[in-house]
């Protein structure tokens, strides 16, 4: 299988899902590890795009996502997962998780900054907000690469915060509640204007642990259940986050004890399992 980056050689199946009609292959291109995600779509998707190590291609009714060169973290992420529940105290977060996040962020989120800086994926931007609310400085609402861009029942957007010091829900404080409420209000208005979907058809949620350590919010159709994404134990409804910030301490989620699911392949698992 050939791409503009080269030919995928020695492919092997990492994972497959009959419900989402997705298969993940691992191979190599020019002696670097590559991961190819193939998903069935209802309609043809947007033209070919790329951002850093991520590329998207269309082939009839199949959307191809190519990650090259892929890291060991990518291989583990897309392999079949062995899930366990983990309880993380504020102490464990400060002493174990936060340093892990700092180390993991290095060299892995350049593609996020490309979007925020207007250097990549600008055709996917649905709404851009620059208003300062409290200590926060706006966000970008854009189509997620997993969405075909047209099937409303599988709508999948993502909100990316402009502020680069918010890595996860753990960095949210009581003072951020108004900012998060403004995100819901502005995104709901933008989605209704562009796609005709009412507020009660949208699900806003945050992952913990997130896939990448720059604060982002998932926005999907309320009827779209996504295995591994909308799952209890990973997804936290944004409205619940806002309510907790309002009634909780000033430091928000920093001092909270949190229970969440974690794959045994995740780098944090051996550090937190005990």
Protein backbone atom coordinates (compact mmCIF):
# COMPACT_ATOMS: atom_id res chain seq x y z
CA UNK A 1 0.00 0.00 0.00
CA UNK A 2 1.59 3.26 -1.16
CA UNK A 3 1.29 6.83 0.14
CA UNK A 4 3.08 10.08 -0.58
CA UNK A 5 5.40 9.23 2.31
CA UNK A 6 6.25 5.83 0.83
CA UNK A 7 5.00 2.24 0.79
CA UNK A 8 3.64 0.53 3.89
CA UNK A 9 5.57 -2.74 4.21
CA UNK A 10 5.10 -5.82 6.40
CA UNK A 11 1.64 -4.81 7.70
CA UNK A 12 0.19 -6.65 10.68
CA UNK A 13 -3.16 -6.17 12.44
CA UNK A 14 -2.86 -4.41 15.79
CA UNK A 15 -6.58 -4.18 16.49
CA UNK A 16 -9.99 -4.42 14.84
CA UNK A 17 -13.52 -3.45 15.84
CA UNK A 18 -16.59 -4.83 14.04
CA UNK A 19 -18.89 -2.25 15.68
CA UNK A 20 -17.00 0.85 14.55
CA UNK A 21 -15.84 -0.94 11.36
CA UNK A 22 -12.23 -0.04 12.01
CA UNK A 23 -8.97 -1.92 11.58
CA UNK A 24 -5.54 -0.77 12.74
CA UNK A 25 -2.40 -1.95 10.94
CA UNK A 26 1.22 -1.63 11.98
CA UNK A 27 3.99 -1.69 9.37
CA UNK A 28 6.97 0.35 8.31
CA UNK A 29 7.68 3.07 5.76
CA UNK A 30 11.33 3.76 4.92
CA UNK A 31 12.38 1.73 7.98
CA UNK A 32 10.29 3.84 10.39
CA UNK A 33 7.27 2.42 12.22
CA UNK A 34 3.93 3.47 10.70
CA UNK A 35 0.37 2.99 11.89
CA UNK A 36 -2.57 2.96 9.48
CA UNK A 37 -6.16 3.27 10.73
CA UNK A 38 -8.83 2.32 8.19
CA UNK A 39 -12.46 3.25 8.91
CA UNK A 40 -15.63 2.85 6.88
CA UNK A 41 -17.47 6.11 6.20
CA UNK A 42 -20.98 6.79 4.99
CA UNK A 43 -19.93 9.50 2.53
CA UNK A 44 -16.63 10.53 0.97
CA UNK A 45 -14.59 12.67 3.38
CA UNK A 46 -12.52 15.81 2.91
CA UNK A 47 -9.47 15.86 0.60
CA UNK A 48 -6.06 14.63 1.70
CA UNK A 49 -4.52 16.56 4.57
CA UNK A 50 -1.49 16.35 6.83
CA UNK A 51 -0.23 17.90 10.06
CA UNK A 52 3.17 16.94 11.46
CA UNK A 53 3.28 13.11 11.60
CA UNK A 54 -0.46 12.72 10.92
CA UNK A 55 -1.95 12.32 7.41
CA UNK A 56 -5.47 11.62 6.13
CA UNK A 57 -6.44 9.96 2.85
CA UNK A 58 -9.68 8.97 1.12
CA UNK A 59 -10.29 5.76 -0.78
CA UNK A 60 -13.91 5.37 -1.94
CA UNK A 61 -15.91 4.90 1.29
CA UNK A 62 -12.86 4.22 3.47
CA UNK A 63 -11.00 6.90 5.39
CA UNK A 64 -7.32 6.22 6.04
CA UNK A 65 -5.39 7.86 8.87
CA UNK A 66 -1.62 7.42 8.65
CA UNK A 67 0.78 8.11 11.53
CA UNK A 68 4.39 8.19 10.38
CA UNK A 69 6.84 7.99 11.95
CA UNK A 70 4.86 6.40 14.79
CA UNK A 71 6.24 6.19 18.32
CA UNK A 72 5.98 3.31 20.76
CA UNK A 73 3.23 5.33 22.48
CA UNK A 74 1.20 5.25 19.25
CA UNK A 75 1.69 1.50 18.90
CA UNK A 76 0.46 0.92 22.46
CA UNK A 77 -2.46 3.32 22.03
CA UNK A 78 -3.83 1.54 18.96
CA UNK A 79 -3.17 -2.04 20.14
CA UNK A 80 -5.90 -4.09 21.83
CA UNK A 81 -6.24 -2.77 25.38
CA UNK A 82 -6.25 -4.54 28.76
CA UNK A 83 -8.17 -2.08 30.96
CA UNK A 84 -7.99 -1.64 34.74
CA UNK A 85 -9.48 0.95 37.11
CA UNK A 86 -7.00 3.25 38.82
CA UNK A 87 -7.51 5.62 41.78
CA UNK A 88 -5.21 8.63 41.74
CA UNK A 89 -4.90 10.80 44.85
CA UNK A 90 -3.80 14.43 44.79
CA UNK A 91 -0.44 13.27 46.18
CA UNK A 92 -0.03 10.65 43.44
CA UNK A 93 -0.91 13.23 40.82
CA UNK A 94 1.68 15.69 42.11
CA UNK A 95 4.48 13.18 42.61
CA UNK A 96 3.86 10.70 39.78
CA UNK A 97 1.38 11.82 37.13
CA UNK A 98 2.39 15.46 36.75
CA UNK A 99 6.08 14.66 36.13
CA UNK A 100 5.00 11.93 33.69
CA UNK A 101 2.86 14.47 31.82
CA UNK A 102 5.73 16.95 31.64
CA UNK A 103 8.05 14.34 30.19
CA UNK A 104 5.44 13.00 27.76
CA UNK A 105 4.45 16.43 26.40
CA UNK A 106 7.94 17.12 25.07
CA UNK A 107 7.97 16.73 21.31
CA UNK A 108 4.46 15.26 21.08
CA UNK A 109 2.07 18.21 20.77
CA UNK A 110 3.67 20.29 18.02
CA UNK A 111 0.69 19.41 15.82
CA UNK A 112 -1.62 21.10 18.37
CA UNK A 113 0.39 24.30 18.23
CA UNK A 114 0.31 24.13 14.42
CA UNK A 115 -3.49 24.32 14.63
CA UNK A 116 -3.54 27.11 17.21
CA UNK A 117 -0.95 29.10 15.25
CA UNK A 118 -2.91 28.76 12.00
CA UNK A 119 -0.27 26.62 10.29
CA UNK A 120 -2.27 23.43 9.73
CA UNK A 121 -5.81 22.03 9.42
CA UNK A 122 -7.40 25.46 9.09
CA UNK A 123 -10.03 24.09 6.70
CA UNK A 124 -11.27 21.98 9.62
CA UNK A 125 -11.82 24.97 11.92
CA UNK A 126 -15.52 25.55 12.63
CA UNK A 127 -15.16 28.49 15.04
CA UNK A 128 -12.30 30.45 16.55
CA UNK A 129 -12.71 32.41 19.78
CA UNK A 130 -10.23 34.99 21.08
CA UNK A 131 -12.28 36.46 23.94
CA UNK A 132 -10.57 36.66 27.33
CA UNK A 133 -12.75 35.16 30.08
CA UNK A 134 -11.12 35.38 33.50
CA UNK A 135 -7.55 34.17 33.01
CA UNK A 136 -8.29 32.20 29.84
CA UNK A 137 -7.76 33.28 26.27
CA UNK A 138 -10.24 31.58 23.98
CA UNK A 139 -10.23 28.35 22.00
CA UNK A 140 -10.57 26.72 18.59
CA UNK A 141 -13.52 24.48 17.66
CA UNK A 142 -12.71 22.12 14.80
CA UNK A 143 -13.71 18.89 13.12
CA UNK A 144 -12.02 15.85 14.62
CA UNK A 145 -10.06 13.72 12.15
CA UNK A 146 -12.28 10.74 13.07
CA UNK A 147 -15.40 12.42 11.64
CA UNK A 148 -16.27 12.20 7.94
CA UNK A 149 -17.39 15.83 8.01
CA UNK A 150 -20.94 15.26 6.79
CA UNK A 151 -22.82 12.53 8.72
CA UNK A 152 -24.51 14.47 11.52
CA UNK A 153 -25.40 11.35 13.54
CA UNK A 154 -21.66 10.74 14.01
CA UNK A 155 -20.70 14.40 14.53
CA UNK A 156 -17.31 14.63 16.23
CA UNK A 157 -15.72 18.00 16.98
CA UNK A 158 -12.97 19.00 19.37
CA UNK A 159 -12.36 22.21 21.32
CA UNK A 160 -8.67 23.06 21.81
CA UNK A 161 -7.79 25.66 24.44
CA UNK A 162 -5.53 28.52 23.35
CA UNK A 163 -3.82 28.56 26.76
CA UNK A 164 -0.83 26.25 26.81
CA UNK A 165 -0.59 25.88 30.59
CA UNK A 166 -3.74 23.73 30.86
CA UNK A 167 -2.66 20.15 30.33
CA UNK A 168 -5.74 18.31 31.60
CA UNK A 169 -8.82 18.60 33.81
CA UNK A 170 -6.40 18.60 36.74
CA UNK A 171 -5.37 22.16 35.81
CA UNK A 172 -8.91 23.53 35.99
CA UNK A 173 -9.68 25.87 38.90
CA UNK A 174 -12.89 27.29 40.36
CA UNK A 175 -12.23 30.49 38.41
CA UNK A 176 -12.45 28.55 35.12
CA UNK A 177 -16.15 27.69 35.49
CA UNK A 178 -17.32 30.82 33.63
CA UNK A 179 -14.87 30.18 30.79
CA UNK A 180 -16.09 26.60 30.37
CA UNK A 181 -19.71 27.77 30.37
CA UNK A 182 -18.85 30.28 27.64
CA UNK A 183 -17.32 27.44 25.59
CA UNK A 184 -20.57 25.47 25.74
CA UNK A 185 -22.61 28.56 24.83
CA UNK A 186 -20.41 29.63 21.90
CA UNK A 187 -19.87 26.14 20.52
CA UNK A 188 -23.58 25.33 20.73
CA UNK A 189 -24.37 28.50 18.77
CA UNK A 190 -21.67 27.76 16.18
CA UNK A 191 -22.79 24.14 15.67
CA UNK A 192 -26.45 25.09 15.36
CA UNK A 193 -25.56 27.76 12.81
CA UNK A 194 -23.32 25.50 10.71
CA UNK A 195 -24.93 22.07 11.12
CA UNK A 196 -28.46 22.79 12.35
CA UNK A 197 -28.14 20.72 15.54
CA UNK A 198 -29.84 21.97 18.71
CA UNK A 199 -28.10 22.20 22.09
CA UNK A 200 -29.76 19.04 23.43
CA UNK A 201 -28.17 17.02 20.60
CA UNK A 202 -24.61 17.80 21.72
CA UNK A 203 -22.46 15.96 24.26
CA UNK A 204 -19.50 17.89 25.72
CA UNK A 205 -16.96 15.81 27.62
CA UNK A 206 -13.33 15.61 28.69
CA UNK A 207 -11.08 12.56 28.97
CA UNK A 208 -8.97 11.70 31.97
CA UNK A 209 -6.40 10.42 31.22
CA UNK A 210 -6.41 12.34 27.91
CA UNK A 211 -4.68 11.09 24.78
CA UNK A 212 -2.47 14.18 24.64
CA UNK A 213 -1.59 16.67 27.36
CA UNK A 214 -3.08 19.90 26.07
CA UNK A 215 -6.56 20.69 27.36
CA UNK A 216 -9.26 19.80 24.86
CA UNK A 217 -12.97 19.03 24.95
CA UNK A 218 -14.80 16.45 22.83
CA UNK A 219 -18.09 17.51 21.24
CA UNK A 220 -20.18 14.71 19.73
CA UNK A 221 -23.76 13.98 18.72
CA UNK A 222 -25.73 12.90 21.79
CA UNK A 223 -26.76 9.66 20.08
CA UNK A 224 -23.23 8.74 19.02
CA UNK A 225 -21.82 6.17 21.47
CA UNK A 226 -18.10 5.73 20.81
CA UNK A 227 -16.37 2.69 22.34
CA UNK A 228 -13.41 3.79 24.43
CA UNK A 229 -14.29 7.50 24.18
CA UNK A 230 -17.73 8.02 25.73
CA UNK A 231 -17.06 5.23 28.24
CA UNK A 232 -17.75 5.76 31.96
CA UNK A 233 -14.36 5.77 33.64
CA UNK A 234 -12.75 7.88 30.94
CA UNK A 235 -15.27 10.51 29.85
CA UNK A 236 -16.37 13.29 32.24
CA UNK A 237 -19.30 15.46 31.13
CA UNK A 238 -18.25 19.09 30.89
CA UNK A 239 -21.40 20.24 32.69
CA UNK A 240 -20.45 18.00 35.65
CA UNK A 241 -16.95 19.48 35.65
CA UNK A 242 -18.39 22.99 35.76
CA UNK A 243 -20.72 22.14 38.64
CA UNK A 244 -17.89 20.57 40.63
CA UNK A 245 -15.70 23.63 40.10
CA UNK A 246 -18.48 25.92 41.27
CA UNK A 247 -19.13 24.10 44.55
CA UNK A 248 -15.59 22.84 45.19
CA UNK A 249 -12.37 24.39 46.51
CA UNK A 250 -10.44 27.19 44.80
CA UNK A 251 -7.82 24.76 43.45
CA UNK A 252 -10.49 22.82 41.57
CA UNK A 253 -9.39 19.36 40.42
CA UNK A 254 -5.80 19.67 41.62
CA UNK A 255 -6.66 18.37 45.10
CA UNK A 256 -9.27 15.82 43.99
CA UNK A 257 -8.99 12.04 44.18
CA UNK A 258 -9.92 10.67 40.77
CA UNK A 259 -10.79 7.15 39.63
CA UNK A 260 -10.45 6.32 35.94
CA UNK A 261 -9.70 3.49 33.53
CA UNK A 262 -6.16 2.92 32.29
CA UNK A 263 -4.69 0.47 29.83
CA UNK A 264 -1.90 -1.79 31.06
CA UNK A 265 0.05 -0.50 28.03
CA UNK A 266 -0.14 3.11 29.24
CA UNK A 267 3.11 4.47 30.60
CA UNK A 268 1.38 5.54 33.82
CA UNK A 269 -0.04 2.11 34.60
CA UNK A 270 3.02 0.55 36.27
CA UNK A 271 3.59 3.80 38.19
CA UNK A 272 0.04 4.06 39.59
CA UNK A 273 -1.21 0.48 39.82
CA UNK A 274 -0.04 0.09 43.41
